[in-house]
Amino acid sequence: MPGCPVAVAMLKAYMMDVVKAAESSGETEVGKYVDDIVLWKAGNVQTAAAGAVKAYRVVAKALQDVKAVVNVQKTVFGTNTLAAERQVKA
């Protein structure tokens, strides 16, 4: 199911027994990967940009707190105006 928004959750559920078995061996750590997380904020330029940046920081910290890797080099903010892009970068 490429591109399906629930594909990662479905795969995780399908692999749960395998992951638990690997973790219970005590011999290795098991990596669990999520390809993408999409955050959406609409509104005027300042409100939307500030909200998107704040949400990103909260999500990134929550992921890092559980030892997930956040690849900041691959983080992308999409905007629909140049003014919004400038606000996000500010």
C-alpha atoms as a PDB file:
ATOM      1  CA  MET A   1       0.000   0.000   0.000  1.00  0.00           C
ATOM      2  CA  PRO A   2       2.533   2.665  -0.995  1.00  0.00           C
ATOM      3  CA  GLY A   3       1.398   6.134  -0.033  1.00  0.00           C
ATOM      4  CA  CYS A   4      -1.311   4.893   2.310  1.00  0.00           C
ATOM      5  CA  PRO A   5      -1.395   7.037   5.473  1.00  0.00           C
ATOM      6  CA  VAL A   6      -2.088   4.016   7.662  1.00  0.00           C
ATOM      7  CA  ALA A   7       0.536   1.765   6.048  1.00  0.00           C
ATOM      8  CA  VAL A   8       3.097   2.321   8.818  1.00  0.00           C
ATOM      9  CA  ALA A   9       0.546   1.587  11.550  1.00  0.00           C
ATOM     10  CA  MET A  10      -0.663  -1.504   9.728  1.00  0.00           C
ATOM     11  CA  LEU A  11       2.892  -2.759   9.255  1.00  0.00           C
ATOM     12  CA  LYS A  12       3.683  -2.110  12.908  1.00  0.00           C
ATOM     13  CA  ALA A  13       0.601  -4.089  13.977  1.00  0.00           C
ATOM     14  CA  TYR A  14       1.471  -6.899  11.572  1.00  0.00           C
ATOM     15  CA  MET A  15       5.067  -7.068  12.842  1.00  0.00           C
ATOM     16  CA  MET A  16       4.246  -6.648  16.561  1.00  0.00           C
ATOM     17  CA  ASP A  17       4.975 -10.298  17.460  1.00  0.00           C
ATOM     18  CA  VAL A  18       8.258 -10.237  15.548  1.00  0.00           C
ATOM     19  CA  VAL A  19       9.344  -6.994  17.213  1.00  0.00           C
ATOM     20  CA  LYS A  20       8.411  -8.288  20.680  1.00  0.00           C
ATOM     21  CA  ALA A  21      10.329 -11.514  20.064  1.00  0.00           C
ATOM     22  CA  ALA A  22      13.412  -9.619  18.921  1.00  0.00           C
ATOM     23  CA  GLU A  23      13.264  -7.247  21.887  1.00  0.00           C
ATOM     24  CA  SER A  24      12.751 -10.079  24.366  1.00  0.00           C
ATOM     25  CA  SER A  25      15.926 -11.811  23.193  1.00  0.00           C
ATOM     26  CA  GLY A  26      17.923  -9.094  24.958  1.00  0.00           C
ATOM     27  CA  GLU A  27      20.555  -9.438  22.264  1.00  0.00           C
ATOM     28  CA  THR A  28      19.653  -6.527  20.020  1.00  0.00           C
ATOM     29  CA  GLU A  29      17.740  -3.303  19.870  1.00  0.00           C
ATOM     30  CA  VAL A  30      14.939  -3.092  17.354  1.00  0.00           C
ATOM     31  CA  GLY A  31      14.560  -0.026  15.162  1.00  0.00           C
ATOM     32  CA  LYS A  32      11.078   1.128  14.293  1.00  0.00           C
ATOM     33  CA  TYR A  33      10.851   3.653  11.480  1.00  0.00           C
ATOM     34  CA  VAL A  34       8.247   6.134  10.321  1.00  0.00           C
ATOM     35  CA  ASP A  35       8.869   7.779   6.986  1.00  0.00           C
ATOM     36  CA  ASP A  36       6.838  10.940   7.359  1.00  0.00           C
ATOM     37  CA  ILE A  37       4.799  12.981   9.773  1.00  0.00           C
ATOM     38  CA  VAL A  38       2.693  15.779   8.317  1.00  0.00           C
ATOM     39  CA  LEU A  39       1.673  18.783  10.412  1.00  0.00           C
ATOM     40  CA  TRP A  40      -0.867  21.214   8.991  1.00  0.00           C
ATOM     41  CA  LYS A  41      -1.678  24.754  10.124  1.00  0.00           C
ATOM     42  CA  ALA A  42      -3.897  27.224   8.296  1.00  0.00           C
ATOM     43  CA  GLY A  43      -4.538  30.875   8.994  1.00  0.00           C
ATOM     44  CA  ASN A  44      -2.923  34.214   8.360  1.00  0.00           C
ATOM     45  CA  VAL A  45       0.790  34.150   7.563  1.00  0.00           C
ATOM     46  CA  GLN A  46       2.085  34.920  11.061  1.00  0.00           C
ATOM     47  CA  THR A  47      -0.334  32.623  12.898  1.00  0.00           C
ATOM     48  CA  ALA A  48       0.073  29.695  10.506  1.00  0.00           C
ATOM     49  CA  ALA A  49       3.859  29.928  10.357  1.00  0.00           C
ATOM     50  CA  ALA A  50       4.247  30.304  14.121  1.00  0.00           C
ATOM     51  CA  GLY A  51       1.836  27.429  14.745  1.00  0.00           C
ATOM     52  CA  ALA A  52       3.599  25.113  12.292  1.00  0.00           C
ATOM     53  CA  VAL A  53       7.035  25.848  13.748  1.00  0.00           C
ATOM     54  CA  LYS A  54       5.769  25.390  17.316  1.00  0.00           C
ATOM     55  CA  ALA A  55       4.080  22.083  16.422  1.00  0.00           C
ATOM     56  CA  TYR A  56       7.258  20.869  14.704  1.00  0.00           C
ATOM     57  CA  ARG A  57       9.348  21.635  17.778  1.00  0.00           C
ATOM     58  CA  VAL A  58       6.877  19.850  20.070  1.00  0.00           C
ATOM     59  CA  VAL A  59       6.737  16.762  17.837  1.00  0.00           C
ATOM     60  CA  ALA A  60      10.509  16.671  17.303  1.00  0.00           C
ATOM     61  CA  LYS A  61      11.127  16.865  21.058  1.00  0.00           C
ATOM     62  CA  ALA A  62       8.536  14.158  21.767  1.00  0.00           C
ATOM     63  CA  LEU A  63      10.192  11.881  19.220  1.00  0.00           C
ATOM     64  CA  GLN A  64      13.667  12.577  20.589  1.00  0.00           C
ATOM     65  CA  ASP A  65      12.423  11.956  24.147  1.00  0.00           C
ATOM     66  CA  VAL A  66      11.575   8.381  23.158  1.00  0.00           C
ATOM     67  CA  LYS A  67      14.949   7.995  21.438  1.00  0.00           C
ATOM     68  CA  ALA A  68      13.567   8.370  17.921  1.00  0.00           C
ATOM     69  CA  VAL A  69      15.842   9.974  15.361  1.00  0.00           C
ATOM     70  CA  VAL A  70      14.654  13.234  13.829  1.00  0.00           C
ATOM     71  CA  ASN A  71      16.547  13.977  10.649  1.00  0.00           C
ATOM     72  CA  VAL A  72      16.526  17.766  10.558  1.00  0.00           C
ATOM     73  CA  GLN A  73      18.298  17.751   7.182  1.00  0.00           C
ATOM     74  CA  LYS A  74      15.168  16.136   5.724  1.00  0.00           C
ATOM     75  CA  THR A  75      12.660  18.374   7.521  1.00  0.00           C
ATOM     76  CA  VAL A  76      10.625  20.391   5.024  1.00  0.00           C
ATOM     77  CA  PHE A  77       8.156  23.200   5.610  1.00  0.00           C
ATOM     78  CA  GLY A  78       5.814  23.723   2.684  1.00  0.00           C
ATOM     79  CA  THR A  79       4.106  27.076   2.300  1.00  0.00           C
ATOM     80  CA  ASN A  80       1.850  28.539  -0.343  1.00  0.00           C
ATOM     81  CA  THR A  81       3.226  32.099  -0.313  1.00  0.00           C
ATOM     82  CA  LEU A  82       6.636  33.718  -0.213  1.00  0.00           C
ATOM     83  CA  ALA A  83       5.546  35.714   2.860  1.00  0.00           C
ATOM     84  CA  ALA A  84       4.714  32.479   4.708  1.00  0.00           C
ATOM     85  CA  GLU A  85       8.048  30.957   3.706  1.00  0.00           C
ATOM     86  CA  ARG A  86       9.891  33.984   5.075  1.00  0.00           C
ATOM     87  CA  GLN A  87       7.919  33.805   8.331  1.00  0.00           C
ATOM     88  CA  VAL A  88       8.723  30.110   8.811  1.00  0.00           C
ATOM     89  CA  LYS A  89      12.418  30.793   8.274  1.00  0.00           C
ATOM     90  CA  ALA A  90      12.414  33.721  10.724  1.00  0.00           C
END
